[in-house]
Amino acid sequence: MNITFAADDDVVKTVRKIAIDRDTTLAGMLRECLNQIAASAGTEAAERKRQQLEALERSFEEHKFYGGPHTWRRADLYDRSQK
């Protein structure tokens, strides 16, 4: 896919010189940068999800609640007949 963007002339000149030093092109550097951003986005999302799960598990441990023994049956909970 081709994209067009605007950047200051001084920035483009500087980055082109860096690209030459790295034996690549400006487009190649931009492509690599975008690939790194896309790759890190997936790992950041996975890390965020892991942290949220750990926080949820900690909150379950911190706020233990014991409601006593079950004196009901599952069928009793769903009994819709009129008594």
PDB file of N, CA and C in Angstrom:
ATOM      1  N   MET A   1       0.852  -1.171   0.000  1.00  0.00           N
ATOM      2  CA  MET A   1       0.000   0.000   0.000  1.00  0.00           C
ATOM      3  C   MET A   1       0.894   1.229   0.000  1.00  0.00           C
ATOM      4  N   ASN A   2       0.557   2.188  -0.783  1.00  0.00           N
ATOM      5  CA  ASN A   2       1.289   3.445  -0.806  1.00  0.00           C
ATOM      6  C   ASN A   2       0.581   4.458   0.069  1.00  0.00           C
ATOM      7  N   ILE A   3       1.363   5.234   0.818  1.00  0.00           N
ATOM      8  CA  ILE A   3       0.802   6.297   1.637  1.00  0.00           C
ATOM      9  C   ILE A   3       1.568   7.578   1.365  1.00  0.00           C
ATOM     10  N   THR A   4       0.932   8.696   1.643  1.00  0.00           N
ATOM     11  CA  THR A   4       1.563   9.994   1.480  1.00  0.00           C
ATOM     12  C   THR A   4       1.463  10.726   2.812  1.00  0.00           C
ATOM     13  N   PHE A   5       2.537  11.371   3.212  1.00  0.00           N
ATOM     14  CA  PHE A   5       2.504  12.155   4.445  1.00  0.00           C
ATOM     15  C   PHE A   5       3.399  13.363   4.269  1.00  0.00           C
ATOM     16  N   ALA A   6       3.251  14.328   5.160  1.00  0.00           N
ATOM     17  CA  ALA A   6       4.049  15.549   5.096  1.00  0.00           C
ATOM     18  C   ALA A   6       5.022  15.570   6.267  1.00  0.00           C
ATOM     19  N   ALA A   7       6.224  16.041   6.017  1.00  0.00           N
ATOM     20  CA  ALA A   7       7.235  16.195   7.061  1.00  0.00           C
ATOM     21  C   ALA A   7       8.102  17.393   6.705  1.00  0.00           C
ATOM     22  N   ASP A   8       8.711  17.985   7.710  1.00  0.00           N
ATOM     23  CA  ASP A   8       9.600  19.122   7.476  1.00  0.00           C
ATOM     24  C   ASP A   8      10.781  18.694   6.614  1.00  0.00           C
ATOM     25  N   ASP A   9      11.208  19.583   5.723  1.00  0.00           N
ATOM     26  CA  ASP A   9      12.328  19.294   4.834  1.00  0.00           C
ATOM     27  C   ASP A   9      13.593  18.933   5.613  1.00  0.00           C
ATOM     28  N   ASP A  10      13.843  19.659   6.685  1.00  0.00           N
ATOM     29  CA  ASP A  10      15.050  19.389   7.481  1.00  0.00           C
ATOM     30  C   ASP A  10      15.014  17.982   8.070  1.00  0.00           C
ATOM     31  N   VAL A  11      13.856  17.565   8.533  1.00  0.00           N
ATOM     32  CA  VAL A  11      13.716  16.225   9.111  1.00  0.00           C
ATOM     33  C   VAL A  11      13.953  15.165   8.036  1.00  0.00           C
ATOM     34  N   VAL A  12      13.362  15.365   6.869  1.00  0.00           N
ATOM     35  CA  VAL A  12      13.523  14.398   5.778  1.00  0.00           C
ATOM     36  C   VAL A  12      14.998  14.299   5.381  1.00  0.00           C
ATOM     37  N   LYS A  13      15.673  15.417   5.265  1.00  0.00           N
ATOM     38  CA  LYS A  13      17.096  15.401   4.895  1.00  0.00           C
ATOM     39  C   LYS A  13      17.925  14.648   5.938  1.00  0.00           C
ATOM     40  N   THR A  14      17.667  14.924   7.184  1.00  0.00           N
ATOM     41  CA  THR A  14      18.406  14.261   8.268  1.00  0.00           C
ATOM     42  C   THR A  14      18.165  12.753   8.250  1.00  0.00           C
ATOM     43  N   VAL A  15      16.909  12.358   8.097  1.00  0.00           N
ATOM     44  CA  VAL A  15      16.585  10.928   8.110  1.00  0.00           C
ATOM     45  C   VAL A  15      17.129  10.229   6.867  1.00  0.00           C
ATOM     46  N   ARG A  16      17.152  10.906   5.745  1.00  0.00           N
ATOM     47  CA  ARG A  16      17.748  10.305   4.534  1.00  0.00           C
ATOM     48  C   ARG A  16      19.234  10.025   4.747  1.00  0.00           C
ATOM     49  N   LYS A  17      19.927  10.932   5.420  1.00  0.00           N
ATOM     50  CA  LYS A  17      21.357  10.723   5.713  1.00  0.00           C
ATOM     51  C   LYS A  17      21.528   9.512   6.647  1.00  0.00           C
ATOM     52  N   ILE A  18      20.649   9.408   7.638  1.00  0.00           N
ATOM     53  CA  ILE A  18      20.704   8.265   8.551  1.00  0.00           C
ATOM     54  C   ILE A  18      20.431   6.977   7.784  1.00  0.00           C
ATOM     55  N   ALA A  19      19.476   7.026   6.868  1.00  0.00           N
ATOM     56  CA  ALA A  19      19.146   5.847   6.063  1.00  0.00           C
ATOM     57  C   ALA A  19      20.344   5.403   5.229  1.00  0.00           C
ATOM     58  N   ILE A  20      21.039   6.345   4.642  1.00  0.00           N
ATOM     59  CA  ILE A  20      22.231   6.010   3.843  1.00  0.00           C
ATOM     60  C   ILE A  20      23.282   5.340   4.725  1.00  0.00           C
ATOM     61  N   ASP A  21      23.474   5.889   5.928  1.00  0.00           N
ATOM     62  CA  ASP A  21      24.445   5.290   6.864  1.00  0.00           C
ATOM     63  C   ASP A  21      24.052   3.865   7.239  1.00  0.00           C
ATOM     64  N   ARG A  22      22.765   3.585   7.247  1.00  0.00           N
ATOM     65  CA  ARG A  22      22.273   2.252   7.618  1.00  0.00           C
ATOM     66  C   ARG A  22      22.063   1.356   6.394  1.00  0.00           C
ATOM     67  N   ASP A  23      22.490   1.834   5.247  1.00  0.00           N
ATOM     68  CA  ASP A  23      22.376   1.085   3.991  1.00  0.00           C
ATOM     69  C   ASP A  23      20.931   0.707   3.675  1.00  0.00           C
ATOM     70  N   THR A  24      20.038   1.681   3.813  1.00  0.00           N
ATOM     71  CA  THR A  24      18.626   1.476   3.491  1.00  0.00           C
ATOM     72  C   THR A  24      18.085   2.772   2.899  1.00  0.00           C
ATOM     73  N   THR A  25      16.778   2.862   2.789  1.00  0.00           N
ATOM     74  CA  THR A  25      16.137   4.056   2.240  1.00  0.00           C
ATOM     75  C   THR A  25      15.214   4.656   3.293  1.00  0.00           C
ATOM     76  N   LEU A  26      14.756   5.850   3.040  1.00  0.00           N
ATOM     77  CA  LEU A  26      13.785   6.490   3.921  1.00  0.00           C
ATOM     78  C   LEU A  26      12.528   5.630   4.007  1.00  0.00           C
ATOM     79  N   ALA A  27      12.062   5.157   2.858  1.00  0.00           N
ATOM     80  CA  ALA A  27      10.873   4.302   2.846  1.00  0.00           C
ATOM     81  C   ALA A  27      11.118   3.012   3.630  1.00  0.00           C
ATOM     82  N   GLY A  28      12.308   2.452   3.496  1.00  0.00           N
ATOM     83  CA  GLY A  28      12.646   1.236   4.230  1.00  0.00           C
ATOM     84  C   GLY A  28      12.651   1.465   5.732  1.00  0.00           C
ATOM     85  N   MET A  29      13.161   2.615   6.159  1.00  0.00           N
ATOM     86  CA  MET A  29      13.160   2.937   7.587  1.00  0.00           C
ATOM     87  C   MET A  29      11.743   3.128   8.112  1.00  0.00           C
ATOM     88  N   LEU A  30      10.917   3.800   7.330  1.00  0.00           N
ATOM     89  CA  LEU A  30       9.520   3.982   7.740  1.00  0.00           C
ATOM     90  C   LEU A  30       8.788   2.638   7.815  1.00  0.00           C
ATOM     91  N   ARG A  31       9.038   1.785   6.834  1.00  0.00           N
ATOM     92  CA  ARG A  31       8.416   0.457   6.813  1.00  0.00           C
ATOM     93  C   ARG A  31       8.805  -0.329   8.072  1.00  0.00           C
ATOM     94  N   GLU A  32      10.100  -0.302   8.404  1.00  0.00           N
ATOM     95  CA  GLU A  32      10.587  -1.016   9.596  1.00  0.00           C
ATOM     96  C   GLU A  32       9.974  -0.447  10.867  1.00  0.00           C
ATOM     97  N   CYS A  33       9.882   0.856  10.935  1.00  0.00           N
ATOM     98  CA  CYS A  33       9.290   1.509  12.098  1.00  0.00           C
ATOM     99  C   CYS A  33       7.824   1.098  12.262  1.00  0.00           C
ATOM    100  N   LEU A  34       7.075   1.102  11.171  1.00  0.00           N
ATOM    101  CA  LEU A  34       5.671   0.696  11.227  1.00  0.00           C
ATOM    102  C   LEU A  34       5.531  -0.772  11.616  1.00  0.00           C
ATOM    103  N   ASN A  35       6.431  -1.625  11.122  1.00  0.00           N
ATOM    104  CA  ASN A  35       6.402  -3.039  11.494  1.00  0.00           C
ATOM    105  C   ASN A  35       6.650  -3.214  12.991  1.00  0.00           C
ATOM    106  N   GLN A  36       7.596  -2.451  13.542  1.00  0.00           N
ATOM    107  CA  GLN A  36       7.880  -2.542  14.968  1.00  0.00           C
ATOM    108  C   GLN A  36       6.703  -2.080  15.806  1.00  0.00           C
ATOM    109  N   ILE A  37       6.053  -1.011  15.380  1.00  0.00           N
ATOM    110  CA  ILE A  37       4.875  -0.512  16.100  1.00  0.00           C
ATOM    111  C   ILE A  37       3.768  -1.558  16.086  1.00  0.00           C
ATOM    112  N   ALA A  38       3.524  -2.159  14.928  1.00  0.00           N
ATOM    113  CA  ALA A  38       2.471  -3.175  14.812  1.00  0.00           C
ATOM    114  C   ALA A  38       2.790  -4.394  15.667  1.00  0.00           C
ATOM    115  N   ALA A  39       4.049  -4.812  15.691  1.00  0.00           N
ATOM    116  CA  ALA A  39       4.446  -5.976  16.480  1.00  0.00           C
ATOM    117  C   ALA A  39       4.317  -5.695  17.974  1.00  0.00           C
ATOM    118  N   SER A  40       4.725  -4.515  18.387  1.00  0.00           N
ATOM    119  CA  SER A  40       4.663  -4.201  19.821  1.00  0.00           C
ATOM    120  C   SER A  40       3.224  -3.993  20.281  1.00  0.00           C
ATOM    121  N   ALA A  41       2.337  -3.563  19.390  1.00  0.00           N
ATOM    122  CA  ALA A  41       0.945  -3.360  19.778  1.00  0.00           C
ATOM    123  C   ALA A  41       0.323  -4.672  20.231  1.00  0.00           C
ATOM    124  N   GLY A  42       0.639  -5.759  19.551  1.00  0.00           N
ATOM    125  CA  GLY A  42       0.106  -7.061  19.940  1.00  0.00           C
ATOM    126  C   GLY A  42       0.639  -7.518  21.281  1.00  0.00           C
ATOM    127  N   THR A  43       1.927  -7.308  21.523  1.00  0.00           N
ATOM    128  CA  THR A  43       2.498  -7.734  22.800  1.00  0.00           C
ATOM    129  C   THR A  43       2.045  -6.829  23.936  1.00  0.00           C
ATOM    130  N   GLU A  44       1.849  -5.546  23.650  1.00  0.00           N
ATOM    131  CA  GLU A  44       1.355  -4.630  24.682  1.00  0.00           C
ATOM    132  C   GLU A  44      -0.062  -5.001  25.083  1.00  0.00           C
ATOM    133  N   ALA A  45      -0.900  -5.345  24.112  1.00  0.00           N
ATOM    134  CA  ALA A  45      -2.281  -5.737  24.414  1.00  0.00           C
ATOM    135  C   ALA A  45      -2.293  -7.019  25.242  1.00  0.00           C
ATOM    136  N   ALA A  46      -1.440  -7.965  24.896  1.00  0.00           N
ATOM    137  CA  ALA A  46      -1.379  -9.221  25.652  1.00  0.00           C
ATOM    138  C   ALA A  46      -0.898  -8.961  27.076  1.00  0.00           C
ATOM    139  N   GLU A  47       0.078  -8.098  27.244  1.00  0.00           N
ATOM    140  CA  GLU A  47       0.585  -7.762  28.575  1.00  0.00           C
ATOM    141  C   GLU A  47      -0.488  -7.056  29.407  1.00  0.00           C
ATOM    142  N   ARG A  48      -1.204  -6.131  28.786  1.00  0.00           N
ATOM    143  CA  ARG A  48      -2.282  -5.418  29.470  1.00  0.00           C
ATOM    144  C   ARG A  48      -3.356  -6.402  29.933  1.00  0.00           C
ATOM    145  N   LYS A  49      -3.709  -7.358  29.073  1.00  0.00           N
ATOM    146  CA  LYS A  49      -4.722  -8.352  29.418  1.00  0.00           C
ATOM    147  C   LYS A  49      -4.237  -9.225  30.578  1.00  0.00           C
ATOM    148  N   ARG A  50      -2.955  -9.615  30.558  1.00  0.00           N
ATOM    149  CA  ARG A  50      -2.391 -10.431  31.631  1.00  0.00           C
ATOM    150  C   ARG A  50      -2.427  -9.674  32.954  1.00  0.00           C
ATOM    151  N   GLN A  51      -2.069  -8.385  32.927  1.00  0.00           N
ATOM    152  CA  GLN A  51      -2.079  -7.577  34.137  1.00  0.00           C
ATOM    153  C   GLN A  51      -3.494  -7.416  34.688  1.00  0.00           C
ATOM    154  N   GLN A  52      -4.466  -7.241  33.798  1.00  0.00           N
ATOM    155  CA  GLN A  52      -5.850  -7.110  34.240  1.00  0.00           C
ATOM    156  C   GLN A  52      -6.352  -8.403  34.876  1.00  0.00           C
ATOM    157  N   LEU A  53      -5.983  -9.530  34.292  1.00  0.00           N
ATOM    158  CA  LEU A  53      -6.379 -10.816  34.848  1.00  0.00           C
ATOM    159  C   LEU A  53      -5.754 -11.028  36.225  1.00  0.00           C
ATOM    160  N   GLU A  54      -4.486 -10.676  36.377  1.00  0.00           N
ATOM    161  CA  GLU A  54      -3.825 -10.795  37.673  1.00  0.00           C
ATOM    162  C   GLU A  54      -4.498  -9.905  38.711  1.00  0.00           C
ATOM    163  N   ALA A  55      -4.855  -8.683  38.329  1.00  0.00           N
ATOM    164  CA  ALA A  55      -5.535  -7.768  39.253  1.00  0.00           C
ATOM    165  C   ALA A  55      -6.889  -8.327  39.670  1.00  0.00           C
ATOM    166  N   LEU A  56      -7.602  -8.921  38.741  1.00  0.00           N
ATOM    167  CA  LEU A  56      -8.898  -9.519  39.050  1.00  0.00           C
ATOM    168  C   LEU A  56      -8.730 -10.690  40.026  1.00  0.00           C
ATOM    169  N   GLU A  57      -7.742 -11.533  39.769  1.00  0.00           N
ATOM    170  CA  GLU A  57      -7.498 -12.665  40.651  1.00  0.00           C
ATOM    171  C   GLU A  57      -7.091 -12.196  42.046  1.00  0.00           C
ATOM    172  N   ARG A  58      -6.280 -11.134  42.135  1.00  0.00           N
ATOM    173  CA  ARG A  58      -5.902 -10.589  43.449  1.00  0.00           C
ATOM    174  C   ARG A  58      -7.121 -10.069  44.186  1.00  0.00           C
ATOM    175  N   SER A  59      -8.022  -9.400  43.470  1.00  0.00           N
ATOM    176  CA  SER A  59      -9.214  -8.864  44.129  1.00  0.00           C
ATOM    177  C   SER A  59     -10.107  -9.993  44.633  1.00  0.00           C
ATOM    178  N   PHE A  60     -10.173 -11.106  43.900  1.00  0.00           N
ATOM    179  CA  PHE A  60     -10.934 -12.257  44.381  1.00  0.00           C
ATOM    180  C   PHE A  60     -10.339 -12.785  45.682  1.00  0.00           C
ATOM    181  N   GLU A  61      -9.016 -12.833  45.750  1.00  0.00           N
ATOM    182  CA  GLU A  61      -8.338 -13.320  46.952  1.00  0.00           C
ATOM    183  C   GLU A  61      -8.547 -12.361  48.133  1.00  0.00           C
ATOM    184  N   GLU A  62      -8.459 -11.059  47.870  1.00  0.00           N
ATOM    185  CA  GLU A  62      -8.583 -10.062  48.932  1.00  0.00           C
ATOM    186  C   GLU A  62      -9.995  -9.993  49.504  1.00  0.00           C
ATOM    187  N   HIS A  63     -11.002 -10.227  48.698  1.00  0.00           N
ATOM    188  CA  HIS A  63     -12.391 -10.038  49.108  1.00  0.00           C
ATOM    189  C   HIS A  63     -13.137 -11.359  49.171  1.00  0.00           C
ATOM    190  N   LYS A  64     -12.527 -12.318  49.830  1.00  0.00           N
ATOM    191  CA  LYS A  64     -13.177 -13.618  49.957  1.00  0.00           C
ATOM    192  C   LYS A  64     -14.497 -13.451  50.700  1.00  0.00           C
ATOM    193  N   PHE A  65     -15.488 -14.137  50.236  1.00  0.00           N
ATOM    194  CA  PHE A  65     -16.795 -14.089  50.872  1.00  0.00           C
ATOM    195  C   PHE A  65     -17.290 -15.509  51.013  1.00  0.00           C
ATOM    196  N   TYR A  66     -17.698 -15.832  52.211  1.00  0.00           N
ATOM    197  CA  TYR A  66     -18.255 -17.155  52.438  1.00  0.00           C
ATOM    198  C   TYR A  66     -19.696 -16.970  52.855  1.00  0.00           C
ATOM    199  N   GLY A  67     -20.598 -17.474  52.085  1.00  0.00           N
ATOM    200  CA  GLY A  67     -22.022 -17.290  52.328  1.00  0.00           C
ATOM    201  C   GLY A  67     -22.647 -18.421  53.114  1.00  0.00           C
ATOM    202  N   GLY A  68     -21.837 -19.307  53.654  1.00  0.00           N
ATOM    203  CA  GLY A  68     -22.377 -20.428  54.420  1.00  0.00           C
ATOM    204  C   GLY A  68     -22.652 -21.609  53.511  1.00  0.00           C
ATOM    205  N   PRO A  69     -23.157 -22.685  54.089  1.00  0.00           N
ATOM    206  CA  PRO A  69     -23.417 -23.882  53.284  1.00  0.00           C
ATOM    207  C   PRO A  69     -24.618 -23.666  52.361  1.00  0.00           C
ATOM    208  N   HIS A  70     -24.597 -24.344  51.238  1.00  0.00           N
ATOM    209  CA  HIS A  70     -25.726 -24.267  50.307  1.00  0.00           C
ATOM    210  C   HIS A  70     -26.865 -25.107  50.859  1.00  0.00           C
ATOM    211  N   THR A  71     -27.991 -24.468  51.043  1.00  0.00           N
ATOM    212  CA  THR A  71     -29.171 -25.187  51.542  1.00  0.00           C
ATOM    213  C   THR A  71     -30.220 -25.314  50.448  1.00  0.00           C
ATOM    214  N   TRP A  72     -29.847 -25.043  49.223  1.00  0.00           N
ATOM    215  CA  TRP A  72     -30.772 -25.072  48.104  1.00  0.00           C
ATOM    216  C   TRP A  72     -30.250 -26.019  47.042  1.00  0.00           C
ATOM    217  N   ARG A  73     -31.146 -26.362  46.154  1.00  0.00           N
ATOM    218  CA  ARG A  73     -30.770 -27.163  45.001  1.00  0.00           C
ATOM    219  C   ARG A  73     -30.920 -26.298  43.756  1.00  0.00           C
ATOM    220  N   ARG A  74     -30.169 -26.602  42.748  1.00  0.00           N
ATOM    221  CA  ARG A  74     -30.241 -25.837  41.504  1.00  0.00           C
ATOM    222  C   ARG A  74     -31.666 -25.840  40.955  1.00  0.00           C
ATOM    223  N   ALA A  75     -32.326 -26.972  40.997  1.00  0.00           N
ATOM    224  CA  ALA A  75     -33.696 -27.073  40.478  1.00  0.00           C
ATOM    225  C   ALA A  75     -34.625 -26.112  41.211  1.00  0.00           C
ATOM    226  N   ASP A  76     -34.370 -25.899  42.526  1.00  0.00           N
ATOM    227  CA  ASP A  76     -35.217 -24.977  43.291  1.00  0.00           C
ATOM    228  C   ASP A  76     -35.092 -23.546  42.773  1.00  0.00           C
ATOM    229  N   LEU A  77     -33.922 -23.187  42.324  1.00  0.00           N
ATOM    230  CA  LEU A  77     -33.706 -21.825  41.833  1.00  0.00           C
ATOM    231  C   LEU A  77     -34.482 -21.546  40.556  1.00  0.00           C
ATOM    232  N   TYR A  78     -34.695 -22.574  39.771  1.00  0.00           N
ATOM    233  CA  TYR A  78     -35.355 -22.397  38.466  1.00  0.00           C
ATOM    234  C   TYR A  78     -36.782 -22.898  38.457  1.00  0.00           C
ATOM    235  N   ASP A  79     -37.303 -23.231  39.600  1.00  0.00           N
ATOM    236  CA  ASP A  79     -38.684 -23.703  39.684  1.00  0.00           C
ATOM    237  C   ASP A  79     -39.619 -22.526  39.437  1.00  0.00           C
ATOM    238  N   ARG A  80     -40.356 -22.565  38.357  1.00  0.00           N
ATOM    239  CA  ARG A  80     -41.225 -21.451  37.987  1.00  0.00           C
ATOM    240  C   ARG A  80     -42.694 -21.748  38.285  1.00  0.00           C
ATOM    241  N   SER A  81     -42.967 -22.876  38.884  1.00  0.00           N
ATOM    242  CA  SER A  81     -44.362 -23.218  39.162  1.00  0.00           C
ATOM    243  C   SER A  81     -44.889 -22.349  40.287  1.00  0.00           C
ATOM    244  N   GLN A  82     -46.173 -22.064  40.226  1.00  0.00           N
ATOM    245  CA  GLN A  82     -46.823 -21.252  41.258  1.00  0.00           C
ATOM    246  C   GLN A  82     -47.045 -22.107  42.487  1.00  0.00           C
ATOM    247  N   LYS A  83     -46.730 -21.606  43.616  1.00  0.00           N
ATOM    248  CA  LYS A  83     -46.936 -22.358  44.859  1.00  0.00           C
ATOM    249  C   LYS A  83     -48.055 -21.770  45.657  1.00  0.00           C
TER     250      LYS A  83
END
